[in-house]
Protein backbone atom coordinates (compact mmCIF):
# COMPACT_ATOMS: atom_id res chain seq x y z
CA MET A 1 -65.07 21.85 -7.62
CA ASP A 2 -65.95 24.71 -5.40
CA SER A 3 -69.49 25.52 -4.88
CA THR A 4 -71.33 27.90 -7.19
CA ALA A 5 -72.06 31.49 -6.49
CA CYS A 6 -74.80 33.58 -8.07
CA LEU A 7 -74.73 37.33 -8.54
CA ARG A 8 -77.92 39.21 -9.69
CA LEU A 9 -77.59 42.58 -11.26
CA PRO A 10 -80.61 44.77 -11.96
CA PHE A 11 -81.92 45.07 -15.34
CA LEU A 12 -82.80 48.65 -16.51
CA PRO A 13 -85.63 48.58 -19.14
CA ALA A 14 -85.63 50.82 -22.01
CA ARG A 15 -88.03 53.95 -21.65
CA THR A 16 -91.39 53.56 -22.92
CA ARG A 17 -93.41 56.35 -24.75
CA PRO A 18 -96.77 57.11 -22.91
CA SER A 19 -99.84 56.29 -25.09
CA SER A 20 -101.37 59.31 -26.49
CA SER A 21 -104.84 58.00 -25.40
CA SER A 22 -103.72 57.98 -21.70
CA SER A 23 -105.53 60.54 -19.66
CA SER A 24 -102.67 61.06 -17.23
CA SER A 25 -98.86 60.72 -17.93
CA SER A 26 -98.36 59.50 -14.39
CA ARG A 27 -100.47 56.39 -14.97
CA ARG A 28 -97.74 54.20 -16.89
CA ARG A 29 -97.69 50.63 -16.83
CA ALA A 30 -94.90 49.33 -14.54
CA PRO A 31 -92.30 47.53 -16.73
CA ARG A 32 -92.20 43.80 -16.06
CA ALA A 33 -89.41 42.98 -13.63
CA SER A 34 -86.42 41.03 -14.96
CA SER A 35 -82.85 40.33 -13.96
CA ILE A 36 -79.50 39.24 -15.42
CA LYS A 37 -78.34 35.94 -13.74
CA CYS A 38 -74.73 35.29 -13.70
CA CYS A 39 -73.86 31.84 -12.10
CA ALA A 40 -70.39 30.90 -11.22
CA ALA A 41 -68.41 27.83 -10.49
CA ALA A 42 -64.56 27.83 -10.00
CA SER A 43 -62.76 24.59 -10.87
CA ASP A 44 -59.35 23.56 -9.67
CA ALA A 45 -58.06 24.38 -13.22
CA GLY A 46 -59.53 27.98 -12.98
CA ALA A 47 -61.70 27.33 -16.14
CA SER A 48 -64.67 29.61 -16.33
CA SER A 49 -67.51 30.69 -18.36
CA ALA A 50 -70.26 33.21 -18.36
CA SER A 51 -73.89 33.01 -19.56
CA ILE A 52 -76.82 35.25 -19.69
CA SER A 53 -80.36 34.29 -18.86
CA SER A 54 -83.70 35.79 -17.53
CA ALA A 55 -84.58 35.56 -14.04
CA SER A 56 -87.79 33.46 -15.25
CA PRO A 57 -87.91 30.60 -15.68
CA ARG A 58 -85.60 29.54 -12.83
CA ARG A 59 -82.42 27.67 -13.95
CA PRO A 60 -81.97 24.19 -12.45
CA ASP A 61 -79.82 24.06 -9.40
CA VAL A 62 -76.17 23.41 -9.89
CA VAL A 63 -74.36 20.80 -7.61
CA ASN A 64 -70.57 20.56 -7.20
CA GLY A 65 -70.11 22.79 -10.27
CA VAL A 66 -71.87 20.75 -12.95
CA GLY A 67 -75.11 21.32 -14.48
CA PRO A 68 -78.41 19.31 -13.94
CA ALA A 69 -78.20 15.57 -14.71
CA GLY A 70 -80.21 14.26 -17.64
CA VAL A 71 -82.33 11.16 -17.83
CA ASP A 72 -79.13 8.90 -18.23
CA GLY A 73 -77.44 10.48 -15.30
CA LEU A 74 -74.96 12.52 -17.23
CA ALA A 75 -74.30 16.15 -16.37
CA GLY A 76 -75.66 18.83 -18.42
CA PRO A 77 -73.81 21.79 -20.14
CA PRO A 78 -70.81 23.47 -18.52
CA VAL A 79 -71.62 25.64 -15.50
CA PRO A 80 -71.05 29.32 -15.90
CA VAL A 81 -68.66 31.56 -13.85
CA PRO A 82 -69.05 34.71 -11.83
CA VAL A 83 -68.33 38.22 -13.29
CA PRO A 84 -67.21 40.93 -10.97
CA ASP A 85 -69.52 43.74 -9.87
CA SER A 86 -69.63 46.65 -12.25
CA PRO A 87 -71.65 49.94 -12.26
CA ALA A 88 -75.16 49.65 -13.92
CA PRO A 89 -75.00 50.75 -17.52
CA SER A 90 -77.32 53.16 -19.37
CA SER A 91 -80.27 51.73 -20.72
CA ARG A 92 -79.14 51.99 -24.21
CA ASP A 93 -75.64 50.91 -23.76
CA LEU A 94 -75.62 47.23 -24.80
CA HIS A 95 -71.95 46.80 -25.29
CA TRP A 96 -71.18 46.19 -21.72
CA LEU A 97 -72.75 42.83 -21.91
CA PRO A 98 -70.25 40.03 -21.76
CA ARG A 99 -69.85 37.46 -24.54
CA PRO A 100 -71.31 34.05 -23.53
CA LEU A 101 -68.25 31.96 -23.40
CA THR A 102 -68.35 28.24 -24.92
CA SER A 103 -66.84 25.13 -23.71
CA ALA A 104 -64.13 25.72 -26.31
CA ASP A 105 -62.89 28.85 -24.43
CA LEU A 106 -62.96 26.86 -21.12
CA MET A 107 -61.09 23.74 -21.72
CA GLY A 108 -57.37 23.68 -22.31
CA VAL A 109 -55.40 21.19 -24.23
CA SER A 110 -55.24 18.78 -21.20
CA GLY A 111 -59.21 18.51 -21.43
CA GLU A 112 -59.64 19.26 -17.78
CA GLY A 113 -63.37 19.18 -17.04
CA LEU A 114 -64.34 17.68 -20.54
CA LYS A 115 -66.41 14.85 -20.96
CA VAL A 116 -65.43 12.83 -24.02
CA ALA A 117 -67.63 10.13 -25.53
CA TYR A 118 -66.05 7.14 -27.25
CA GLN A 119 -67.54 3.86 -28.72
CA GLY A 120 -66.90 0.66 -26.69
CA CYS A 121 -66.53 -0.60 -23.07
CA PRO A 122 -63.93 0.83 -20.74
CA GLY A 123 -60.62 -0.33 -21.62
CA ALA A 124 -61.13 0.00 -25.39
CA TYR A 125 -58.56 1.45 -27.63
CA SER A 126 -60.97 4.36 -28.33
CA GLU A 127 -60.85 5.13 -24.60
CA ALA A 128 -57.02 5.18 -24.86
CA ALA A 129 -57.14 7.47 -27.93
CA ALA A 130 -59.59 9.87 -25.84
CA LYS A 131 -56.99 9.93 -22.93
CA LYS A 132 -54.26 10.79 -25.30
CA ALA A 133 -56.21 13.46 -26.84
CA TYR A 134 -57.45 14.91 -23.66
CA PRO A 135 -55.41 13.62 -20.88
CA ASN A 136 -57.36 14.85 -17.92
CA CYS A 137 -60.84 14.36 -19.37
CA GLN A 138 -63.74 12.15 -18.09
CA THR A 139 -64.37 9.45 -20.58
CA VAL A 140 -67.98 8.44 -21.44
CA PRO A 141 -68.43 5.00 -23.01
CA CYS A 142 -71.14 4.62 -25.78
CA GLU A 143 -72.63 1.39 -27.19
CA HIS A 144 -72.56 2.73 -30.80
CA PHE A 145 -70.86 5.34 -33.00
CA ASP A 146 -74.05 7.00 -33.60
CA THR A 147 -74.61 7.28 -29.79
CA ALA A 148 -71.43 9.22 -29.27
CA PHE A 149 -72.43 11.72 -31.98
CA LYS A 150 -75.61 12.27 -30.35
CA ALA A 151 -74.17 12.50 -26.80
CA VAL A 152 -72.11 15.64 -28.05
CA GLU A 153 -75.08 17.04 -30.03
CA ASN A 154 -77.46 16.84 -26.94
CA TRP A 155 -74.83 18.17 -24.45
CA LEU A 156 -74.26 14.89 -22.58
CA ALA A 157 -70.76 15.10 -23.66
CA ASP A 158 -68.35 17.89 -24.82
CA ARG A 159 -66.33 16.05 -27.25
CA ALA A 160 -66.35 12.67 -29.08
CA VAL A 161 -63.28 10.78 -30.11
CA LEU A 162 -64.00 8.09 -32.82
CA PRO A 163 -61.76 6.07 -35.29
CA LEU A 164 -61.62 7.28 -38.83
CA GLU A 165 -59.13 4.79 -40.54
CA ASN A 166 -56.69 2.09 -39.52
CA SER A 167 -53.32 1.58 -41.35
CA LEU A 168 -54.12 -2.35 -41.79
CA GLY A 169 -57.93 -2.35 -42.05
CA GLY A 170 -58.52 0.89 -43.84
CA SER A 171 -61.35 3.37 -43.31
CA ILE A 172 -64.22 2.94 -40.92
CA HIS A 173 -67.01 3.59 -43.43
CA ARG A 174 -69.71 3.99 -40.74
CA ASN A 175 -68.14 7.04 -39.29
CA PHE A 176 -67.69 8.65 -42.83
CA ASP A 177 -71.49 8.38 -43.16
CA LEU A 178 -72.19 9.58 -39.80
CA LEU A 179 -70.04 12.76 -40.33
CA LEU A 180 -72.48 13.70 -43.16
CA ARG A 181 -75.60 12.84 -41.14
CA HIS A 182 -74.65 14.91 -38.01
CA ARG A 183 -73.50 18.54 -37.76
CA LEU A 184 -70.46 18.18 -35.51
CA HIS A 185 -67.08 19.58 -36.52
CA ILE A 186 -63.62 17.85 -36.68
CA VAL A 187 -61.50 19.82 -34.31
CA GLY A 188 -58.45 17.61 -34.21
CA GLU A 189 -57.05 14.28 -34.79
CA VAL A 190 -54.96 11.85 -32.93
CA ARG A 191 -53.00 8.63 -33.86
CA LEU A 192 -52.74 5.79 -31.63
CA ALA A 193 -50.38 2.69 -32.07
CA VAL A 194 -52.53 -0.39 -31.57
CA ARG A 195 -50.67 -3.18 -29.49
CA HIS A 196 -52.97 -6.30 -29.33
CA CYS A 197 -52.55 -8.71 -26.34
CA LEU A 198 -53.95 -12.17 -25.81
CA LEU A 199 -55.97 -12.19 -22.45
CA ALA A 200 -57.23 -15.02 -20.56
CA ASN A 201 -58.69 -15.80 -16.95
CA PRO A 202 -55.94 -16.49 -14.25
CA GLY A 203 -54.76 -19.93 -14.46
CA VAL A 204 -55.64 -20.43 -18.16
CA LYS A 205 -52.57 -20.93 -20.51
CA ILE A 206 -52.23 -20.61 -24.32
CA GLU A 207 -52.47 -24.37 -24.96
CA ASN A 208 -55.87 -24.36 -23.04
CA LEU A 209 -57.34 -22.04 -25.55
CA LYS A 210 -59.62 -23.18 -28.38
CA SER A 211 -61.29 -19.76 -29.36
CA ALA A 212 -60.40 -16.26 -29.63
CA MET A 213 -62.85 -13.37 -29.09
CA SER A 214 -62.58 -9.74 -30.35
CA HIS A 215 -63.62 -7.20 -32.67
CA PRO A 216 -63.47 -8.38 -36.38
CA GLN A 217 -60.64 -6.20 -37.36
CA ALA A 218 -58.56 -7.28 -34.29
CA LEU A 219 -59.08 -10.70 -35.22
CA ALA A 220 -58.05 -10.19 -38.77
CA GLN A 221 -55.12 -8.33 -37.56
CA CYS A 222 -53.76 -11.36 -35.46
CA GLU A 223 -54.90 -14.04 -37.93
CA HIS A 224 -51.43 -15.69 -38.35
CA THR A 225 -50.34 -15.49 -34.82
CA LEU A 226 -53.49 -17.10 -33.50
CA THR A 227 -52.95 -20.00 -36.02
CA GLU A 228 -49.50 -20.50 -34.67
CA PHE A 229 -50.92 -20.68 -31.23
CA GLY A 230 -53.18 -23.35 -32.39
CA ILE A 231 -56.40 -21.36 -31.82
CA GLU A 232 -58.56 -22.23 -34.65
CA HIS A 233 -62.16 -20.88 -33.69
CA ARG A 234 -62.70 -16.96 -33.89
CA GLU A 235 -65.75 -15.31 -32.29
CA ALA A 236 -66.33 -11.68 -33.27
CA VAL A 237 -68.05 -9.06 -30.87
CA ASP A 238 -68.57 -5.30 -31.06
CA ASP A 239 -65.24 -4.16 -29.53
CA THR A 240 -62.28 -5.51 -28.03
CA ALA A 241 -62.74 -4.56 -24.41
CA GLY A 242 -66.30 -5.96 -24.64
CA ALA A 243 -64.55 -9.33 -25.56
CA ALA A 244 -62.24 -8.96 -22.45
CA LYS A 245 -65.33 -8.22 -20.19
CA THR A 246 -67.30 -11.25 -21.58
CA VAL A 247 -64.27 -13.61 -20.96
CA ALA A 248 -64.11 -12.31 -17.33
CA GLU A 249 -67.76 -12.23 -16.47
CA GLN A 250 -68.37 -15.62 -17.86
CA ASN A 251 -65.30 -17.00 -16.42
CA LEU A 252 -64.41 -18.74 -19.71
CA GLN A 253 -61.64 -21.35 -19.58
CA ASP A 254 -61.24 -22.19 -23.08
CA THR A 255 -61.66 -18.79 -24.76
CA GLY A 256 -59.24 -15.89 -24.84
CA ALA A 257 -59.83 -12.14 -25.71
CA ILE A 258 -57.71 -10.00 -28.05
CA ALA A 259 -57.56 -6.53 -26.33
CA SER A 260 -55.35 -3.99 -24.74
CA SER A 261 -53.13 -4.43 -21.63
CA LEU A 262 -55.53 -1.78 -19.95
CA ALA A 263 -58.43 -4.19 -20.39
CA ALA A 264 -56.45 -6.93 -18.76
CA GLU A 265 -55.97 -4.71 -15.68
CA LEU A 266 -59.76 -3.57 -15.66
CA TYR A 267 -61.20 -7.04 -15.88
CA GLY A 268 -58.58 -8.94 -13.91
CA LEU A 269 -57.20 -11.14 -16.75
CA ASN A 270 -53.76 -12.35 -17.39
CA VAL A 271 -51.68 -11.23 -20.52
CA LEU A 272 -50.57 -14.51 -22.11
CA ALA A 273 -48.93 -12.84 -25.08
CA GLU A 274 -48.22 -9.23 -26.08
CA ASN A 275 -47.96 -7.43 -29.53
CA ILE A 276 -49.58 -10.35 -31.30
CA GLN A 277 -50.83 -8.37 -34.36
CA ASP A 278 -49.20 -9.79 -37.56
CA ASP A 279 -47.92 -6.39 -38.74
CA LYS A 280 -46.15 -4.54 -35.96
CA ASP A 281 -46.97 -0.98 -37.59
CA ASN A 282 -50.55 -0.90 -36.64
CA VAL A 283 -51.84 2.56 -36.18
CA THR A 284 -55.37 3.98 -35.94
CA ARG A 285 -56.41 7.65 -36.77
CA PHE A 286 -59.02 9.10 -34.59
CA MET A 287 -60.95 12.15 -35.02
CA MET A 288 -62.00 14.69 -32.37
CA LEU A 289 -65.53 16.02 -32.82
CA ALA A 290 -67.20 19.12 -31.07
CA ARG A 291 -70.30 21.24 -31.44
CA GLU A 292 -68.44 24.18 -32.50
CA PRO A 293 -65.20 24.38 -34.97
CA VAL A 294 -61.84 25.65 -34.03
CA ILE A 295 -60.48 28.88 -35.44
CA PRO A 296 -57.85 27.87 -38.20
CA ARG A 297 -54.50 29.18 -38.07
CA THR A 298 -51.48 29.38 -40.32
CA ASP A 299 -48.58 29.38 -37.83
CA LYS A 300 -48.79 25.39 -37.31
CA PRO A 301 -49.67 22.51 -39.56
CA PHE A 302 -53.35 22.23 -40.24
CA LYS A 303 -55.48 19.70 -42.10
CA THR A 304 -58.93 20.52 -43.75
CA SER A 305 -61.40 17.67 -44.35
CA ILE A 306 -64.22 18.20 -46.80
CA VAL A 307 -66.94 16.26 -48.72
CA PHE A 308 -68.46 16.91 -52.11
CA SER A 309 -70.28 15.42 -54.93
CA LEU A 310 -69.98 16.22 -58.84
CA GLU A 311 -72.11 16.15 -61.87
CA GLU A 312 -71.72 13.01 -64.03
CA GLY A 313 -69.40 13.54 -67.01
CA PRO A 314 -65.95 12.76 -68.24
CA GLY A 315 -63.09 14.66 -66.25
CA GLN A 316 -65.19 15.87 -63.49
CA LEU A 317 -63.03 14.24 -60.91
CA PHE A 318 -60.05 15.38 -62.72
CA LYS A 319 -61.10 18.93 -62.71
CA ALA A 320 -61.96 18.76 -58.87
CA LEU A 321 -58.47 17.53 -58.09
CA GLY A 322 -57.05 20.21 -60.52
CA VAL A 323 -58.05 23.17 -58.45
CA PHE A 324 -55.88 21.77 -55.56
CA ALA A 325 -52.99 20.70 -57.80
CA LEU A 326 -52.83 24.18 -59.34
CA ARG A 327 -52.56 25.76 -55.97
CA GLU A 328 -49.88 23.32 -54.84
CA ILE A 329 -52.05 21.89 -52.09
CA ASN A 330 -51.39 18.28 -51.11
CA LEU A 331 -54.08 15.88 -50.60
CA THR A 332 -53.54 13.07 -47.92
CA LYS A 333 -56.65 11.09 -48.42
CA ILE A 334 -59.51 10.72 -50.83
CA GLU A 335 -62.49 8.32 -50.15
CA SER A 336 -65.59 7.68 -52.16
CA ARG A 337 -68.90 6.54 -50.61
CA PRO A 338 -72.36 5.98 -52.40
CA HIS A 339 -74.56 9.10 -52.26
CA LYS A 340 -77.43 7.83 -50.03
CA LYS A 341 -79.78 10.59 -50.84
CA ARG A 342 -79.18 9.92 -54.49
CA PRO A 343 -77.91 6.33 -54.49
CA LEU A 344 -78.60 5.77 -58.26
CA ARG A 345 -78.49 7.83 -61.38
CA ILE A 346 -79.61 7.08 -64.94
CA ALA A 347 -76.56 6.65 -67.45
CA ASP A 348 -77.71 7.09 -71.00
CA ASP A 349 -75.40 6.88 -73.89
CA SER A 350 -75.68 6.34 -77.62
CA PHE A 351 -74.16 2.66 -77.48
CA SER A 352 -76.47 1.13 -74.93
CA THR A 353 -79.65 1.19 -73.25
CA PRO A 354 -80.11 3.42 -70.22
CA SER A 355 -78.66 1.81 -67.05
CA LYS A 356 -78.60 2.71 -63.45
CA GLN A 357 -75.29 3.39 -61.70
CA PHE A 358 -74.21 4.68 -58.34
CA ASP A 359 -73.64 8.38 -57.46
CA TYR A 360 -70.96 9.05 -55.16
CA LEU A 361 -69.61 11.40 -52.42
CA PHE A 362 -65.91 12.21 -52.33
CA TYR A 363 -64.25 12.66 -48.83
CA MET A 364 -60.95 14.44 -49.05
CA ASP A 365 -58.32 15.60 -46.55
CA LEU A 366 -56.05 18.39 -47.41
CA GLU A 367 -52.81 19.56 -45.86
CA ALA A 368 -53.98 23.09 -45.52
CA SER A 369 -55.70 25.60 -43.26
CA MET A 370 -58.87 27.42 -44.00
CA ALA A 371 -57.11 30.58 -42.80
CA ASP A 372 -54.95 30.18 -45.93
CA PRO A 373 -56.22 32.50 -48.73
CA LYS A 374 -55.16 29.73 -51.41
CA THR A 375 -57.38 27.13 -49.64
CA GLN A 376 -60.41 29.47 -49.61
CA ASN A 377 -59.80 30.11 -53.31
CA ALA A 378 -59.66 26.52 -54.14
CA LEU A 379 -62.71 25.68 -52.47
CA GLY A 380 -64.48 28.65 -53.96
CA ASN A 381 -63.41 27.42 -57.42
CA LEU A 382 -64.57 23.86 -56.59
CA LYS A 383 -67.95 25.16 -55.53
CA GLU A 384 -68.48 26.77 -58.78
CA PHE A 385 -69.10 23.28 -60.60
CA ALA A 386 -69.65 20.89 -57.63
CA THR A 387 -73.29 19.92 -56.87
CA PHE A 388 -72.48 19.63 -53.06
CA LEU A 389 -69.55 20.97 -50.94
CA ARG A 390 -69.31 20.86 -47.12
CA VAL A 391 -66.30 21.55 -45.01
CA LEU A 392 -66.19 18.91 -42.15
CA GLY A 393 -63.23 20.70 -40.23
CA SER A 394 -60.12 22.60 -40.36
CA TYR A 395 -57.96 21.37 -37.29
CA PRO A 396 -54.27 20.98 -36.23
CA THR A 397 -52.49 17.94 -37.59
CA ASP A 398 -51.22 15.29 -35.12
CA VAL A 399 -47.57 15.53 -35.53
CA ASN A 400 -46.64 13.29 -32.45
CA GLU A 401 -45.69 9.82 -32.38
CA ALA A 402 -48.31 7.19 -32.46
């Protein structure tokens, strides 16, 4: 990236009315000096942004077009760009001020300049999903799902790409709970075909392996194949790439890792067998998260994700589903999770003593855009009787092959 350039424009303060108690109109208090600072950084992709700040306190220095590093060494928010010289406006004309650009304005579909957080070690399937969503991005590995959420919230990353559901293993419930805990928006989705490989150190053969190490879901998805290989012991770890890293670092001779072919390249392992998952149609759906939502449209397929809760009573869920059915809005997913802020409710009826039962939140995906009036009307109808309703995001549907 090119070096940054700064342009300072004078700030013309509004006139101040002299005090009636002043003995002389010429003895006016001088206005406090301030300025508008527009910093610039031009990237190879031509992305740009503008921000407005006072001259004091002084902004941290910018190095190589990126902001100041945080305590963990990651760069700060995107660097603003220069604006051309323009005549000084009148003191009351505020419309000349440029709108501060956001990272959503800067970054194209390719993700050039984006920092994208994912859970796992380099070589994880989540990293492959991040690269598929934003091909030219800089990936940021995170130890836990919650860490990836916080990285985006704290400007250590611009986006996060995290798994939401798998065609074999089902939903990743932890991320459903984190969606409600954090204030990030779903801005897209990406589907990734999972192709498991059996990896081992150079010189090790399949017949030498007594144990297989990987993520619990990966182990479950390859159960029958591992049994056919004569590998009886299973060792679960946090992620697939982490298993490959452990096998390589400890130079294990009797343990193989189930991970991607990319992990084999990164950690210097041999691929003993490819596509070892029991079901060949193994696809994981990932969500793309950002601090700001995307603007919904109606000229392309969109999906809207919501979460809501209902009062207890017969037919309440049927009534909620009806607001969409009456408007011919298709539902692609519905998931219930215990309401952690109200985990239990008292159920009282005339035939038994009062009992405690779970209260639930309902996560739902709609094949509709928030820009469509019928979607807005449906959610307005739902809000009339729902005890809680939140739109998690309205975003383009992934129509590409996994």
